[in-house]
Full PDB file with SEQRES, HELIX, SHEET, SSBOND, CRYST1, ORIGX, SCALE, CONECT and MASTER records, all heavy atoms in Angstrom:
SEQRES   1 A   35  GLU TYR LYS ALA THR TYR LYS GLU GLU PRO TYR THR VAL          
SEQRES   2 A   35  ARG TYR SER VAL ILE GLY GLU GLU SER ARG GLY GLY LYS          
SEQRES   3 A   35  PRO LEU GLN TRP VAL GLU LEU ARG MET                          
SHEET    1 AA1 3 TYR A   2  TYR A   6  0                                        
SHEET    2 AA1 3 GLU A   9  ARG A  23 -1                                        
SHEET    3 AA1 3 LYS A  26  ARG A  34 -1                                        
CRYST1    1.000    1.000    1.000  90.00  90.00  90.00 P 1           1          
ORIGX1      1.000000  0.000000  0.000000        0.00000                         
ORIGX2      0.000000  1.000000  0.000000        0.00000                         
ORIGX3      0.000000  0.000000  1.000000        0.00000                         
SCALE1      1.000000  0.000000  0.000000        0.00000                         
SCALE2      0.000000  1.000000  0.000000        0.00000                         
SCALE3      0.000000  0.000000  1.000000        0.00000                         
ATOM      1  N   GLU A   1      20.562  66.010  55.308  1.00  0.00           N  
ATOM      2  CA  GLU A   1      20.042  64.710  54.739  1.00  0.00           C  
ATOM      3  C   GLU A   1      18.533  64.778  54.498  1.00  0.00           C  
ATOM      4  O   GLU A   1      17.762  65.235  55.386  1.00  0.00           O  
ATOM      5  CB  GLU A   1      20.402  63.585  55.663  1.00  0.00           C  
ATOM      6  CG  GLU A   1      20.195  62.171  55.073  1.00  0.00           C  
ATOM      7  CD  GLU A   1      20.929  61.026  55.884  1.00  0.00           C  
ATOM      8  OE1 GLU A   1      22.106  60.964  55.799  1.00  0.00           O  
ATOM      9  OE2 GLU A   1      20.193  60.332  56.567  1.00  0.00           O  
ATOM     10  N   TYR A   2      18.086  64.123  53.408  1.00  0.00           N  
ATOM     11  CA  TYR A   2      16.766  64.226  52.993  1.00  0.00           C  
ATOM     12  C   TYR A   2      16.255  62.848  52.704  1.00  0.00           C  
ATOM     13  O   TYR A   2      16.879  61.868  52.242  1.00  0.00           O  
ATOM     14  CB  TYR A   2      16.549  65.101  51.735  1.00  0.00           C  
ATOM     15  CG  TYR A   2      17.049  66.537  51.917  1.00  0.00           C  
ATOM     16  CD1 TYR A   2      18.348  66.944  51.765  1.00  0.00           C  
ATOM     17  CD2 TYR A   2      16.028  67.481  52.256  1.00  0.00           C  
ATOM     18  CE1 TYR A   2      18.764  68.245  51.971  1.00  0.00           C  
ATOM     19  CE2 TYR A   2      16.535  68.800  52.376  1.00  0.00           C  
ATOM     20  CZ  TYR A   2      17.815  69.147  52.363  1.00  0.00           C  
ATOM     21  OH  TYR A   2      18.181  70.492  52.482  1.00  0.00           O  
ATOM     22  N   LYS A   3      14.867  62.792  52.821  1.00  0.00           N  
ATOM     23  CA  LYS A   3      14.131  61.587  52.382  1.00  0.00           C  
ATOM     24  C   LYS A   3      13.518  62.032  51.104  1.00  0.00           C  
ATOM     25  O   LYS A   3      12.766  62.993  51.002  1.00  0.00           O  
ATOM     26  CB  LYS A   3      12.980  61.231  53.406  1.00  0.00           C  
ATOM     27  CG  LYS A   3      12.021  60.103  52.956  1.00  0.00           C  
ATOM     28  CD  LYS A   3      11.081  59.700  54.001  1.00  0.00           C  
ATOM     29  CE  LYS A   3      10.129  60.866  54.220  1.00  0.00           C  
ATOM     30  NZ  LYS A   3       8.961  60.579  55.257  1.00  0.00           N  
ATOM     31  N   ALA A   4      13.813  61.332  49.926  1.00  0.00           N  
ATOM     32  CA  ALA A   4      13.390  61.687  48.602  1.00  0.00           C  
ATOM     33  C   ALA A   4      12.638  60.667  47.900  1.00  0.00           C  
ATOM     34  O   ALA A   4      12.903  59.398  48.039  1.00  0.00           O  
ATOM     35  CB  ALA A   4      14.515  62.278  47.942  1.00  0.00           C  
ATOM     36  N   THR A   5      11.686  60.983  47.161  1.00  0.00           N  
ATOM     37  CA  THR A   5      11.034  60.089  46.240  1.00  0.00           C  
ATOM     38  C   THR A   5      11.000  60.664  44.860  1.00  0.00           C  
ATOM     39  O   THR A   5      10.626  61.809  44.707  1.00  0.00           O  
ATOM     40  CB  THR A   5       9.545  59.769  46.684  1.00  0.00           C  
ATOM     41  OG1 THR A   5       9.500  59.359  48.005  1.00  0.00           O  
ATOM     42  CG2 THR A   5       8.865  58.724  45.759  1.00  0.00           C  
ATOM     43  N   TYR A   6      11.482  59.887  43.917  1.00  0.00           N  
ATOM     44  CA  TYR A   6      11.573  60.359  42.495  1.00  0.00           C  
ATOM     45  C   TYR A   6      10.878  59.283  41.669  1.00  0.00           C  
ATOM     46  O   TYR A   6      11.430  58.158  41.648  1.00  0.00           O  
ATOM     47  CB  TYR A   6      13.002  60.651  42.142  1.00  0.00           C  
ATOM     48  CG  TYR A   6      13.150  60.983  40.656  1.00  0.00           C  
ATOM     49  CD1 TYR A   6      12.589  62.183  40.247  1.00  0.00           C  
ATOM     50  CD2 TYR A   6      13.878  60.188  39.804  1.00  0.00           C  
ATOM     51  CE1 TYR A   6      12.731  62.478  38.848  1.00  0.00           C  
ATOM     52  CE2 TYR A   6      14.058  60.425  38.463  1.00  0.00           C  
ATOM     53  CZ  TYR A   6      13.462  61.680  38.040  1.00  0.00           C  
ATOM     54  OH  TYR A   6      13.566  62.062  36.631  1.00  0.00           O  
ATOM     55  N   LYS A   7       9.798  59.639  41.068  1.00  0.00           N  
ATOM     56  CA  LYS A   7       9.073  58.713  40.168  1.00  0.00           C  
ATOM     57  C   LYS A   7       8.697  57.413  41.023  1.00  0.00           C  
ATOM     58  O   LYS A   7       8.934  56.281  40.499  1.00  0.00           O  
ATOM     59  CB  LYS A   7       9.781  58.474  38.872  1.00  0.00           C  
ATOM     60  CG  LYS A   7       9.857  59.562  37.968  1.00  0.00           C  
ATOM     61  CD  LYS A   7      10.511  59.168  36.657  1.00  0.00           C  
ATOM     62  CE  LYS A   7      10.496  60.469  35.819  1.00  0.00           C  
ATOM     63  NZ  LYS A   7      11.167  60.087  34.407  1.00  0.00           N  
ATOM     64  N   GLU A   8       8.264  57.515  42.170  1.00  0.00           N  
ATOM     65  CA  GLU A   8       7.859  56.475  43.141  1.00  0.00           C  
ATOM     66  C   GLU A   8       8.922  55.638  43.617  1.00  0.00           C  
ATOM     67  O   GLU A   8       8.751  54.663  44.403  1.00  0.00           O  
ATOM     68  CB  GLU A   8       6.782  55.630  42.466  1.00  0.00           C  
ATOM     69  CG  GLU A   8       5.575  56.358  42.078  1.00  0.00           C  
ATOM     70  CD  GLU A   8       4.452  55.467  41.523  1.00  0.00           C  
ATOM     71  OE1 GLU A   8       4.727  54.274  41.297  1.00  0.00           O  
ATOM     72  OE2 GLU A   8       3.400  55.948  41.325  1.00  0.00           O  
ATOM     73  N   GLU A   9      10.256  56.019  43.319  1.00  0.00           N  
ATOM     74  CA  GLU A   9      11.395  55.290  43.861  1.00  0.00           C  
ATOM     75  C   GLU A   9      11.993  56.069  45.097  1.00  0.00           C  
ATOM     76  O   GLU A   9      12.176  57.296  44.989  1.00  0.00           O  
ATOM     77  CB  GLU A   9      12.474  55.099  42.847  1.00  0.00           C  
ATOM     78  CG  GLU A   9      12.146  54.187  41.737  1.00  0.00           C  
ATOM     79  CD  GLU A   9      13.274  53.863  40.838  1.00  0.00           C  
ATOM     80  OE1 GLU A   9      14.352  53.814  41.337  1.00  0.00           O  
ATOM     81  OE2 GLU A   9      13.068  53.644  39.626  1.00  0.00           O  
ATOM     82  N   PRO A  10      12.087  55.382  46.274  1.00  0.00           N  
ATOM     83  CA  PRO A  10      12.706  56.114  47.404  1.00  0.00           C  
ATOM     84  C   PRO A  10      14.110  56.226  47.446  1.00  0.00           C  
ATOM     85  O   PRO A  10      14.837  55.270  47.126  1.00  0.00           O  
ATOM     86  CB  PRO A  10      12.157  55.203  48.561  1.00  0.00           C  
ATOM     87  CG  PRO A  10      12.045  53.837  47.933  1.00  0.00           C  
ATOM     88  CD  PRO A  10      11.821  53.967  46.548  1.00  0.00           C  
ATOM     89  N   TYR A  11      14.693  57.252  48.053  1.00  0.00           N  
ATOM     90  CA  TYR A  11      16.067  57.615  48.075  1.00  0.00           C  
ATOM     91  C   TYR A  11      16.343  58.309  49.364  1.00  0.00           C  
ATOM     92  O   TYR A  11      15.538  58.999  49.994  1.00  0.00           O  
ATOM     93  CB  TYR A  11      16.613  58.442  46.991  1.00  0.00           C  
ATOM     94  CG  TYR A  11      16.589  57.822  45.552  1.00  0.00           C  
ATOM     95  CD1 TYR A  11      15.447  57.906  44.771  1.00  0.00           C  
ATOM     96  CD2 TYR A  11      17.699  57.098  45.106  1.00  0.00           C  
ATOM     97  CE1 TYR A  11      15.488  57.339  43.472  1.00  0.00           C  
ATOM     98  CE2 TYR A  11      17.711  56.494  43.824  1.00  0.00           C  
ATOM     99  CZ  TYR A  11      16.578  56.581  42.977  1.00  0.00           C  
ATOM    100  OH  TYR A  11      16.477  56.068  41.789  1.00  0.00           O  
ATOM    101  N   THR A  12      17.496  58.098  49.916  1.00  0.00           N  
ATOM    102  CA  THR A  12      18.100  58.885  51.013  1.00  0.00           C  
ATOM    103  C   THR A  12      19.236  59.747  50.271  1.00  0.00           C  
ATOM    104  O   THR A  12      20.090  59.311  49.645  1.00  0.00           O  
ATOM    105  CB  THR A  12      18.707  58.112  52.125  1.00  0.00           C  
ATOM    106  OG1 THR A  12      17.717  57.348  52.734  1.00  0.00           O  
ATOM    107  CG2 THR A  12      19.306  59.043  53.115  1.00  0.00           C  
ATOM    108  N   VAL A  13      19.074  61.136  50.447  1.00  0.00           N  
ATOM    109  CA  VAL A  13      19.862  62.070  49.769  1.00  0.00           C  
ATOM    110  C   VAL A  13      20.636  62.840  50.779  1.00  0.00           C  
ATOM    111  O   VAL A  13      19.954  63.459  51.678  1.00  0.00           O  
ATOM    112  CB  VAL A  13      19.111  62.926  48.786  1.00  0.00           C  
ATOM    113  CG1 VAL A  13      19.983  63.811  48.076  1.00  0.00           C  
ATOM    114  CG2 VAL A  13      18.260  62.126  47.780  1.00  0.00           C  
ATOM    115  N   ARG A  14      21.923  62.963  50.707  1.00  0.00           N  
ATOM    116  CA  ARG A  14      22.650  63.738  51.677  1.00  0.00           C  
ATOM    117  C   ARG A  14      23.636  64.780  50.935  1.00  0.00           C  
ATOM    118  O   ARG A  14      24.457  64.285  50.165  1.00  0.00           O  
ATOM    119  CB  ARG A  14      23.438  62.799  52.626  1.00  0.00           C  
ATOM    120  CG  ARG A  14      24.318  63.562  53.494  1.00  0.00           C  
ATOM    121  CD  ARG A  14      24.909  62.758  54.551  1.00  0.00           C  
ATOM    122  NE  ARG A  14      26.193  63.200  55.131  1.00  0.00           N  
ATOM    123  CZ  ARG A  14      26.549  62.927  56.437  1.00  0.00           C  
ATOM    124  NH1 ARG A  14      25.846  62.283  57.198  1.00  0.00           N  
ATOM    125  NH2 ARG A  14      27.677  63.489  56.878  1.00  0.00           N  
ATOM    126  N   TYR A  15      23.442  66.048  51.162  1.00  0.00           N  
ATOM    127  CA  TYR A  15      24.351  67.042  50.716  1.00  0.00           C  
ATOM    128  C   TYR A  15      25.347  67.392  51.718  1.00  0.00           C  
ATOM    129  O   TYR A  15      24.913  67.465  52.952  1.00  0.00           O  
ATOM    130  CB  TYR A  15      23.547  68.386  50.335  1.00  0.00           C  
ATOM    131  CG  TYR A  15      22.619  68.296  49.334  1.00  0.00           C  
ATOM    132  CD1 TYR A  15      21.178  68.187  49.528  1.00  0.00           C  
ATOM    133  CD2 TYR A  15      22.904  68.555  47.973  1.00  0.00           C  
ATOM    134  CE1 TYR A  15      20.269  68.162  48.545  1.00  0.00           C  
ATOM    135  CE2 TYR A  15      22.008  68.547  46.885  1.00  0.00           C  
ATOM    136  CZ  TYR A  15      20.611  68.316  47.266  1.00  0.00           C  
ATOM    137  OH  TYR A  15      19.722  68.405  46.265  1.00  0.00           O  
ATOM    138  N   SER A  16      26.606  67.642  51.434  1.00  0.00           N  
ATOM    139  CA  SER A  16      27.594  68.089  52.361  1.00  0.00           C  
ATOM    140  C   SER A  16      28.736  68.851  51.689  1.00  0.00           C  
ATOM    141  O   SER A  16      28.954  68.656  50.563  1.00  0.00           O  
ATOM    142  CB  SER A  16      28.087  66.836  53.171  1.00  0.00           C  
ATOM    143  OG  SER A  16      28.717  65.876  52.282  1.00  0.00           O  
ATOM    144  N   VAL A  17      29.423  69.658  52.518  1.00  0.00           N  
ATOM    145  CA  VAL A  17      30.645  70.356  52.043  1.00  0.00           C  
ATOM    146  C   VAL A  17      31.790  69.660  52.768  1.00  0.00           C  
ATOM    147  O   VAL A  17      31.927  69.592  53.896  1.00  0.00           O  
ATOM    148  CB  VAL A  17      30.691  71.757  52.456  1.00  0.00           C  
ATOM    149  CG1 VAL A  17      31.925  72.511  51.995  1.00  0.00           C  
ATOM    150  CG2 VAL A  17      29.479  72.588  51.637  1.00  0.00           C  
ATOM    151  N   ILE A  18      32.585  68.945  51.964  1.00  0.00           N  
ATOM    152  CA  ILE A  18      33.618  68.053  52.559  1.00  0.00           C  
ATOM    153  C   ILE A  18      35.051  68.601  52.501  1.00  0.00           C  
ATOM    154  O   ILE A  18      35.958  67.983  52.942  1.00  0.00           O  
ATOM    155  CB  ILE A  18      33.555  66.720  51.777  1.00  0.00           C  
ATOM    156  CG1 ILE A  18      33.794  66.818  50.305  1.00  0.00           C  
ATOM    157  CG2 ILE A  18      32.121  66.000  52.192  1.00  0.00           C  
ATOM    158  CD1 ILE A  18      33.895  65.479  49.624  1.00  0.00           C  
ATOM    159  N   GLY A  19      35.287  69.723  51.941  1.00  0.00           N  
ATOM    160  CA  GLY A  19      36.537  70.281  51.650  1.00  0.00           C  
ATOM    161  C   GLY A  19      36.584  71.706  51.056  1.00  0.00           C  
ATOM    162  O   GLY A  19      35.610  72.060  50.505  1.00  0.00           O  
ATOM    163  N   GLU A  20      37.810  72.320  51.150  1.00  0.00           N  
ATOM    164  CA  GLU A  20      37.887  73.646  50.568  1.00  0.00           C  
ATOM    165  C   GLU A  20      39.331  73.634  49.968  1.00  0.00           C  
ATOM    166  O   GLU A  20      40.245  73.040  50.441  1.00  0.00           O  
ATOM    167  CB  GLU A  20      37.772  74.791  51.554  1.00  0.00           C  
ATOM    168  CG  GLU A  20      36.407  74.838  52.222  1.00  0.00           C  
ATOM    169  CD  GLU A  20      36.336  76.002  53.234  1.00  0.00           C  
ATOM    170  OE1 GLU A  20      37.466  76.333  53.782  1.00  0.00           O  
ATOM    171  OE2 GLU A  20      35.314  76.315  53.596  1.00  0.00           O  
ATOM    172  N   GLU A  21      39.465  74.493  48.783  1.00  0.00           N  
ATOM    173  CA  GLU A  21      40.768  74.607  48.229  1.00  0.00           C  
ATOM    174  C   GLU A  21      40.702  75.885  47.388  1.00  0.00           C  
ATOM    175  O   GLU A  21      39.621  76.349  47.117  1.00  0.00           O  
ATOM    176  CB  GLU A  21      41.295  73.386  47.406  1.00  0.00           C  
ATOM    177  CG  GLU A  21      40.462  72.910  46.275  1.00  0.00           C  
ATOM    178  CD  GLU A  21      41.167  71.759  45.646  1.00  0.00           C  
ATOM    179  OE1 GLU A  21      40.926  70.613  46.000  1.00  0.00           O  
ATOM    180  OE2 GLU A  21      42.018  72.050  44.732  1.00  0.00           O  
ATOM    181  N   SER A  22      41.866  76.348  46.954  1.00  0.00           N  
ATOM    182  CA  SER A  22      41.924  77.572  46.082  1.00  0.00           C  
ATOM    183  C   SER A  22      42.659  77.148  44.767  1.00  0.00           C  
ATOM    184  O   SER A  22      43.690  76.478  44.759  1.00  0.00           O  
ATOM    185  CB  SER A  22      42.685  78.603  46.763  1.00  0.00           C  
ATOM    186  OG  SER A  22      42.817  79.846  45.986  1.00  0.00           O  
ATOM    187  N   ARG A  23      42.155  77.629  43.664  1.00  0.00           N  
ATOM    188  CA  ARG A  23      42.806  77.385  42.420  1.00  0.00           C  
ATOM    189  C   ARG A  23      42.751  78.786  41.639  1.00  0.00           C  
ATOM    190  O   ARG A  23      41.682  79.370  41.461  1.00  0.00           O  
ATOM    191  CB  ARG A  23      42.061  76.332  41.525  1.00  0.00           C  
ATOM    192  CG  ARG A  23      42.274  75.032  42.128  1.00  0.00           C  
ATOM    193  CD  ARG A  23      41.760  73.882  41.204  1.00  0.00           C  
ATOM    194  NE  ARG A  23      41.810  72.433  41.839  1.00  0.00           N  
ATOM    195  CZ  ARG A  23      41.554  71.418  41.197  1.00  0.00           C  
ATOM    196  NH1 ARG A  23      41.144  71.442  39.946  1.00  0.00           N  
ATOM    197  NH2 ARG A  23      41.785  70.226  41.899  1.00  0.00           N  
ATOM    198  N   GLY A  24      43.861  79.086  41.130  1.00  0.00           N  
ATOM    199  CA  GLY A  24      43.941  80.434  40.499  1.00  0.00           C  
ATOM    200  C   GLY A  24      43.559  81.628  41.397  1.00  0.00           C  
ATOM    201  O   GLY A  24      43.068  82.648  40.895  1.00  0.00           O  
ATOM    202  N   GLY A  25      43.816  81.452  42.652  1.00  0.00           N  
ATOM    203  CA  GLY A  25      43.406  82.559  43.540  1.00  0.00           C  
ATOM    204  C   GLY A  25      41.939  82.616  43.971  1.00  0.00           C  
ATOM    205  O   GLY A  25      41.589  83.532  44.574  1.00  0.00           O  
ATOM    206  N   LYS A  26      41.087  81.692  43.441  1.00  0.00           N  
ATOM    207  CA  LYS A  26      39.702  81.669  43.636  1.00  0.00           C  
ATOM    208  C   LYS A  26      39.328  80.624  44.643  1.00  0.00           C  
ATOM    209  O   LYS A  26      39.720  79.424  44.468  1.00  0.00           O  
ATOM    210  CB  LYS A  26      38.965  81.414  42.353  1.00  0.00           C  
ATOM    211  CG  LYS A  26      37.388  81.558  42.510  1.00  0.00           C  
ATOM    212  CD  LYS A  26      36.715  81.546  41.223  1.00  0.00           C  
ATOM    213  CE  LYS A  26      35.209  81.862  41.430  1.00  0.00           C  
ATOM    214  NZ  LYS A  26      34.482  81.848  40.054  1.00  0.00           N  
ATOM    215  N   PRO A  27      38.582  80.934  45.784  1.00  0.00           N  
ATOM    216  CA  PRO A  27      38.289  79.950  46.719  1.00  0.00           C  
ATOM    217  C   PRO A  27      37.188  78.990  46.111  1.00  0.00           C  
ATOM    218  O   PRO A  27      36.194  79.437  45.507  1.00  0.00           O  
ATOM    219  CB  PRO A  27      37.614  80.717  47.928  1.00  0.00           C  
ATOM    220  CG  PRO A  27      37.188  82.016  47.290  1.00  0.00           C  
ATOM    221  CD  PRO A  27      38.163  82.265  46.116  1.00  0.00           C  
ATOM    222  N   LEU A  28      37.373  77.704  46.420  1.00  0.00           N  
ATOM    223  CA  LEU A  28      36.421  76.585  45.856  1.00  0.00           C  
ATOM    224  C   LEU A  28      36.019  75.658  47.070  1.00  0.00           C  
ATOM    225  O   LEU A  28      36.783  75.561  47.990  1.00  0.00           O  
ATOM    226  CB  LEU A  28      37.095  75.846  44.692  1.00  0.00           C  
ATOM    227  CG  LEU A  28      37.545  76.700  43.590  1.00  0.00           C  
ATOM    228  CD1 LEU A  28      38.472  75.826  42.608  1.00  0.00           C  
ATOM    229  CD2 LEU A  28      36.355  77.259  42.810  1.00  0.00           C  
ATOM    230  N   GLN A  29      34.902  75.137  46.868  1.00  0.00           N  
ATOM    231  CA  GLN A  29      34.539  74.064  47.845  1.00  0.00           C  
ATOM    232  C   GLN A  29      34.137  72.721  47.173  1.00  0.00           C  
ATOM    233  O   GLN A  29      33.712  72.598  46.057  1.00  0.00           O  
ATOM    234  CB  GLN A  29      33.221  74.562  48.516  1.00  0.00           C  
ATOM    235  CG  GLN A  29      33.379  75.661  49.481  1.00  0.00           C  
ATOM    236  CD  GLN A  29      32.062  76.220  50.064  1.00  0.00           C  
ATOM    237  OE1 GLN A  29      31.208  76.596  49.351  1.00  0.00           O  
ATOM    238  NE2 GLN A  29      31.940  76.188  51.322  1.00  0.00           N  
ATOM    239  N   TRP A  30      34.477  71.637  47.960  1.00  0.00           N  
ATOM    240  CA  TRP A  30      34.157  70.252  47.477  1.00  0.00           C  
ATOM    241  C   TRP A  30      32.792  70.009  48.112  1.00  0.00           C  
ATOM    242  O   TRP A  30      32.573  69.913  49.224  1.00  0.00           O  
ATOM    243  CB  TRP A  30      35.194  69.281  47.999  1.00  0.00           C  
ATOM    244  CG  TRP A  30      36.360  69.136  47.063  1.00  0.00           C  
ATOM    245  CD1 TRP A  30      37.636  69.602  47.349  1.00  0.00           C  
ATOM    246  CD2 TRP A  30      36.409  68.460  45.819  1.00  0.00           C  
ATOM    247  NE1 TRP A  30      38.474  69.273  46.277  1.00  0.00           N  
ATOM    248  CE2 TRP A  30      37.729  68.489  45.371  1.00  0.00           C  
ATOM    249  CE3 TRP A  30      35.437  67.813  45.035  1.00  0.00           C  
ATOM    250  CZ2 TRP A  30      38.128  67.952  44.131  1.00  0.00           C  
ATOM    251  CZ3 TRP A  30      35.893  67.212  43.871  1.00  0.00           C  
ATOM    252  CH2 TRP A  30      37.198  67.301  43.404  1.00  0.00           C  
ATOM    253  N   VAL A  31      31.793  69.857  47.211  1.00  0.00           N  
ATOM    254  CA  VAL A  31      30.451  69.584  47.591  1.00  0.00           C  
ATOM    255  C   VAL A  31      29.997  68.177  47.145  1.00  0.00           C  
ATOM    256  O   VAL A  31      30.286  67.786  46.062  1.00  0.00           O  
ATOM    257  CB  VAL A  31      29.463  70.577  46.953  1.00  0.00           C  
ATOM    258  CG1 VAL A  31      27.958  70.278  47.388  1.00  0.00           C  
ATOM    259  CG2 VAL A  31      29.771  72.051  47.347  1.00  0.00           C  
ATOM    260  N   GLU A  32      29.535  67.331  48.166  1.00  0.00           N  
ATOM    261  CA  GLU A  32      29.223  65.975  47.910  1.00  0.00           C  
ATOM    262  C   GLU A  32      27.716  65.732  47.914  1.00  0.00           C  
ATOM    263  O   GLU A  32      26.980  66.325  48.801  1.00  0.00           O  
ATOM    264  CB  GLU A  32      29.867  65.059  48.897  1.00  0.00           C  
ATOM    265  CG  GLU A  32      29.584  63.622  48.749  1.00  0.00           C  
ATOM    266  CD  GLU A  32      30.212  62.736  49.772  1.00  0.00           C  
ATOM    267  OE1 GLU A  32      31.418  62.461  49.571  1.00  0.00           O  
ATOM    268  OE2 GLU A  32      29.516  62.188  50.834  1.00  0.00           O  
ATOM    269  N   LEU A  33      27.212  65.027  47.020  1.00  0.00           N  
ATOM    270  CA  LEU A  33      25.799  64.544  46.982  1.00  0.00           C  
ATOM    271  C   LEU A  33      25.939  62.965  46.989  1.00  0.00           C  
ATOM    272  O   LEU A  33      26.511  62.386  46.156  1.00  0.00           O  
ATOM    273  CB  LEU A  33      25.115  64.992  45.806  1.00  0.00           C  
ATOM    274  CG  LEU A  33      23.720  64.427  45.543  1.00  0.00           C  
ATOM    275  CD1 LEU A  33      22.835  64.732  46.756  1.00  0.00           C  
ATOM    276  CD2 LEU A  33      23.096  64.925  44.290  1.00  0.00           C  
ATOM    277  N   ARG A  34      25.293  62.446  48.028  1.00  0.00           N  
ATOM    278  CA  ARG A  34      25.246  60.924  48.252  1.00  0.00           C  
ATOM    279  C   ARG A  34      23.774  60.461  48.153  1.00  0.00           C  
ATOM    280  O   ARG A  34      22.915  60.906  48.912  1.00  0.00           O  
ATOM    281  CB  ARG A  34      25.849  60.480  49.603  1.00  0.00           C  
ATOM    282  CG  ARG A  34      25.919  59.044  49.713  1.00  0.00           C  
ATOM    283  CD  ARG A  34      26.629  58.754  50.943  1.00  0.00           C  
ATOM    284  NE  ARG A  34      25.805  58.975  52.130  1.00  0.00           N  
ATOM    285  CZ  ARG A  34      26.293  59.164  53.431  1.00  0.00           C  
ATOM    286  NH1 ARG A  34      27.548  59.093  53.622  1.00  0.00           N  
ATOM    287  NH2 ARG A  34      25.405  59.331  54.340  1.00  0.00           N  
ATOM    288  N   MET A  35      23.504  59.626  47.251  1.00  0.00           N  
ATOM    289  CA  MET A  35      22.191  59.089  46.978  1.00  0.00           C  
ATOM    290  C   MET A  35      22.182  57.589  47.294  1.00  0.00           C  
ATOM    291  O   MET A  35      23.001  56.926  46.706  1.00  0.00           O  
ATOM    292  CB  MET A  35      21.649  59.376  45.617  1.00  0.00           C  
ATOM    293  CG  MET A  35      21.576  60.828  45.329  1.00  0.00           C  
ATOM    294  SD  MET A  35      21.091  61.135  43.574  1.00  0.00           S  
ATOM    295  CE  MET A  35      19.589  60.198  43.471  1.00  0.00           C  
TER     296      MET A  35                                                      
MASTER        0    0    0    0    3    0    0    6  295    1    0    3          
END                                                                             
């Protein structure tokens, strides 16, 4: 989780990996960004 300021506007930004699955034999991840 991050404290962020963009053009003088404050945000709380959180990155997370919330899940995994495979499609076509390729491993994939569900990545979430919450602002």
